Amino acid sequence: MYFFLLSFSEMGLSVPLVIILVIFGGFFLISFFITSPNMDTKGLLRVLYSKPVRKADGSVEYPESRNN
């Protein structure tokens, strides 16, 4: 029994396109691993449930109390 196989050219993939896909895929993985420590539940809920206070210098502060 033969398996149903497609070549890269039949799928519309060429060598430059595969290289571009690998580069962007690698960039995605690297950026995901760099930013994943900032994606904790406590930090996300703090941003979603609090009212941010913008300071005069442009920075944003998220107060811990919810009485604002």
N, C-alpha and C. Protein backbone atom coordinates (compact mmCIF):
# COMPACT_ATOMS: atom_id res chain seq x y z
N MET A 1 0.84 -1.17 0.00
CA MET A 1 0.00 0.00 0.00
C MET A 1 0.89 1.24 0.00
N TYR A 2 0.57 2.18 -0.85
CA TYR A 2 1.32 3.42 -0.93
C TYR A 2 0.60 4.50 -0.14
N PHE A 3 1.37 5.33 0.55
CA PHE A 3 0.81 6.46 1.28
C PHE A 3 0.55 7.60 0.31
N PHE A 4 -0.43 8.41 0.64
CA PHE A 4 -0.72 9.59 -0.18
C PHE A 4 0.25 10.69 0.24
N LEU A 5 1.18 11.00 -0.62
CA LEU A 5 2.21 11.99 -0.31
C LEU A 5 2.16 13.13 -1.33
N LEU A 6 2.37 14.32 -0.85
CA LEU A 6 2.49 15.48 -1.72
C LEU A 6 3.89 16.04 -1.60
N SER A 7 4.43 16.49 -2.70
CA SER A 7 5.73 17.15 -2.65
C SER A 7 5.52 18.60 -2.26
N PHE A 8 6.61 19.26 -1.88
CA PHE A 8 6.51 20.66 -1.49
C PHE A 8 5.99 21.53 -2.63
N SER A 9 6.41 21.23 -3.85
CA SER A 9 5.96 22.04 -4.99
C SER A 9 4.47 21.85 -5.25
N GLU A 10 3.96 20.64 -4.99
CA GLU A 10 2.52 20.43 -5.16
C GLU A 10 1.71 21.16 -4.10
N MET A 11 2.32 21.41 -2.94
CA MET A 11 1.64 22.17 -1.88
C MET A 11 1.79 23.67 -2.07
N GLY A 12 2.57 24.07 -3.03
CA GLY A 12 2.79 25.50 -3.27
C GLY A 12 3.92 26.08 -2.46
N LEU A 13 4.78 25.23 -1.93
CA LEU A 13 5.90 25.70 -1.13
C LEU A 13 7.18 25.64 -1.95
N SER A 14 7.94 26.70 -1.88
CA SER A 14 9.24 26.73 -2.53
C SER A 14 10.31 26.93 -1.45
N VAL A 15 11.56 26.80 -1.81
CA VAL A 15 12.64 26.92 -0.85
C VAL A 15 12.66 28.30 -0.17
N PRO A 16 12.54 29.42 -0.91
CA PRO A 16 12.51 30.72 -0.22
C PRO A 16 11.31 30.85 0.73
N LEU A 17 10.18 30.31 0.35
CA LEU A 17 9.01 30.39 1.21
C LEU A 17 9.19 29.57 2.48
N VAL A 18 9.80 28.40 2.37
CA VAL A 18 10.06 27.58 3.54
C VAL A 18 11.05 28.28 4.47
N ILE A 19 12.06 28.94 3.91
CA ILE A 19 13.03 29.68 4.72
C ILE A 19 12.34 30.82 5.46
N ILE A 20 11.46 31.55 4.77
CA ILE A 20 10.71 32.65 5.41
C ILE A 20 9.81 32.11 6.52
N LEU A 21 9.14 30.98 6.28
CA LEU A 21 8.29 30.38 7.30
C LEU A 21 9.09 29.97 8.52
N VAL A 22 10.27 29.41 8.32
CA VAL A 22 11.10 28.99 9.44
C VAL A 22 11.59 30.20 10.23
N ILE A 23 11.97 31.27 9.54
CA ILE A 23 12.44 32.49 10.23
C ILE A 23 11.33 33.10 11.07
N PHE A 24 10.14 33.26 10.49
CA PHE A 24 9.04 33.85 11.24
C PHE A 24 8.54 32.92 12.35
N GLY A 25 8.57 31.62 12.11
CA GLY A 25 8.21 30.68 13.17
C GLY A 25 9.18 30.73 14.33
N GLY A 26 10.46 30.83 14.02
CA GLY A 26 11.47 30.97 15.06
C GLY A 26 11.32 32.27 15.82
N PHE A 27 11.03 33.36 15.10
CA PHE A 27 10.80 34.65 15.75
C PHE A 27 9.61 34.56 16.70
N PHE A 28 8.54 33.89 16.28
CA PHE A 28 7.37 33.73 17.14
C PHE A 28 7.72 32.96 18.41
N LEU A 29 8.45 31.85 18.26
CA LEU A 29 8.80 31.06 19.44
C LEU A 29 9.69 31.84 20.40
N ILE A 30 10.68 32.54 19.86
CA ILE A 30 11.57 33.32 20.72
C ILE A 30 10.80 34.42 21.44
N SER A 31 9.94 35.15 20.72
CA SER A 31 9.17 36.22 21.37
C SER A 31 8.17 35.67 22.37
N PHE A 32 7.61 34.48 22.11
CA PHE A 32 6.69 33.87 23.06
C PHE A 32 7.41 33.52 24.35
N PHE A 33 8.60 32.93 24.26
CA PHE A 33 9.33 32.55 25.47
C PHE A 33 9.84 33.77 26.23
N ILE A 34 10.12 34.88 25.53
CA ILE A 34 10.54 36.10 26.22
C ILE A 34 9.37 36.73 26.98
N THR A 35 8.19 36.73 26.38
CA THR A 35 7.05 37.41 27.00
C THR A 35 6.22 36.51 27.91
N SER A 36 6.40 35.21 27.88
CA SER A 36 5.54 34.33 28.68
C SER A 36 5.66 34.54 30.19
N PRO A 37 6.80 34.95 30.76
CA PRO A 37 6.78 35.22 32.21
C PRO A 37 5.86 36.37 32.59
N ASN A 38 5.57 37.28 31.68
CA ASN A 38 4.69 38.40 31.98
C ASN A 38 3.22 38.04 31.86
N MET A 39 2.91 36.83 31.43
CA MET A 39 1.53 36.43 31.20
C MET A 39 1.02 35.54 32.33
N ASP A 40 1.22 35.96 33.57
CA ASP A 40 0.69 35.19 34.67
C ASP A 40 -0.73 35.63 34.98
N THR A 41 -1.47 34.81 35.68
CA THR A 41 -2.88 35.08 35.95
C THR A 41 -3.06 36.30 36.82
N LYS A 42 -2.22 36.44 37.83
CA LYS A 42 -2.35 37.58 38.75
C LYS A 42 -2.14 38.90 38.00
N GLY A 43 -1.13 38.95 37.15
CA GLY A 43 -0.87 40.18 36.40
C GLY A 43 -1.97 40.50 35.41
N LEU A 44 -2.50 39.49 34.72
CA LEU A 44 -3.58 39.73 33.77
C LEU A 44 -4.85 40.20 34.47
N LEU A 45 -5.20 39.56 35.57
CA LEU A 45 -6.41 39.98 36.30
C LEU A 45 -6.24 41.36 36.90
N ARG A 46 -5.03 41.71 37.33
CA ARG A 46 -4.78 43.05 37.86
C ARG A 46 -5.04 44.11 36.78
N VAL A 47 -4.59 43.85 35.58
CA VAL A 47 -4.79 44.79 34.49
C VAL A 47 -6.26 44.84 34.08
N LEU A 48 -6.93 43.70 34.05
CA LEU A 48 -8.31 43.66 33.58
C LEU A 48 -9.30 44.26 34.58
N TYR A 49 -9.05 44.07 35.88
CA TYR A 49 -10.04 44.48 36.88
C TYR A 49 -9.75 45.81 37.55
N SER A 50 -8.61 46.40 37.34
CA SER A 50 -8.30 47.65 38.02
C SER A 50 -8.47 48.84 37.08
N LYS A 51 -8.59 49.99 37.69
CA LYS A 51 -8.66 51.22 36.91
C LYS A 51 -7.25 51.82 36.90
N PRO A 52 -6.60 51.84 35.76
CA PRO A 52 -5.23 52.36 35.73
C PRO A 52 -5.19 53.87 35.96
N VAL A 53 -4.11 54.30 36.56
CA VAL A 53 -3.89 55.72 36.82
C VAL A 53 -2.68 56.14 36.00
N ARG A 54 -2.89 57.09 35.09
CA ARG A 54 -1.78 57.56 34.26
C ARG A 54 -1.11 58.74 34.95
N LYS A 55 0.19 58.63 35.14
CA LYS A 55 0.96 59.69 35.78
C LYS A 55 1.31 60.77 34.76
N ALA A 56 1.85 61.87 35.24
CA ALA A 56 2.19 63.00 34.37
C ALA A 56 3.30 62.64 33.39
N ASP A 57 4.19 61.71 33.78
CA ASP A 57 5.29 61.35 32.88
C ASP A 57 4.87 60.32 31.82
N GLY A 58 3.61 59.90 31.84
CA GLY A 58 3.10 58.98 30.84
C GLY A 58 3.06 57.53 31.27
N SER A 59 3.67 57.21 32.41
CA SER A 59 3.64 55.83 32.89
C SER A 59 2.27 55.52 33.50
N VAL A 60 1.95 54.25 33.57
CA VAL A 60 0.66 53.82 34.08
C VAL A 60 0.87 53.00 35.34
N GLU A 61 0.07 53.27 36.35
CA GLU A 61 0.14 52.54 37.61
C GLU A 61 -1.19 51.86 37.86
N TYR A 62 -1.14 50.62 38.33
CA TYR A 62 -2.34 49.84 38.63
C TYR A 62 -2.44 49.72 40.15
N PRO A 63 -3.32 50.49 40.76
CA PRO A 63 -3.43 50.43 42.22
C PRO A 63 -4.00 49.10 42.67
N GLU A 64 -3.58 48.65 43.84
CA GLU A 64 -4.04 47.37 44.38
C GLU A 64 -5.46 47.46 44.90
N SER A 65 -5.84 48.60 45.46
CA SER A 65 -7.20 48.73 46.02
C SER A 65 -8.20 48.98 44.88
N ARG A 66 -9.44 48.56 45.10
CA ARG A 66 -10.46 48.69 44.07
C ARG A 66 -11.49 49.75 44.44
N ASN A 67 -11.13 50.69 45.31
CA ASN A 67 -12.07 51.71 45.74
C ASN A 67 -12.05 52.95 44.86
N ASN A 68 -11.45 52.91 43.70
CA ASN A 68 -11.39 54.07 42.80
C ASN A 68 -12.64 54.17 41.98
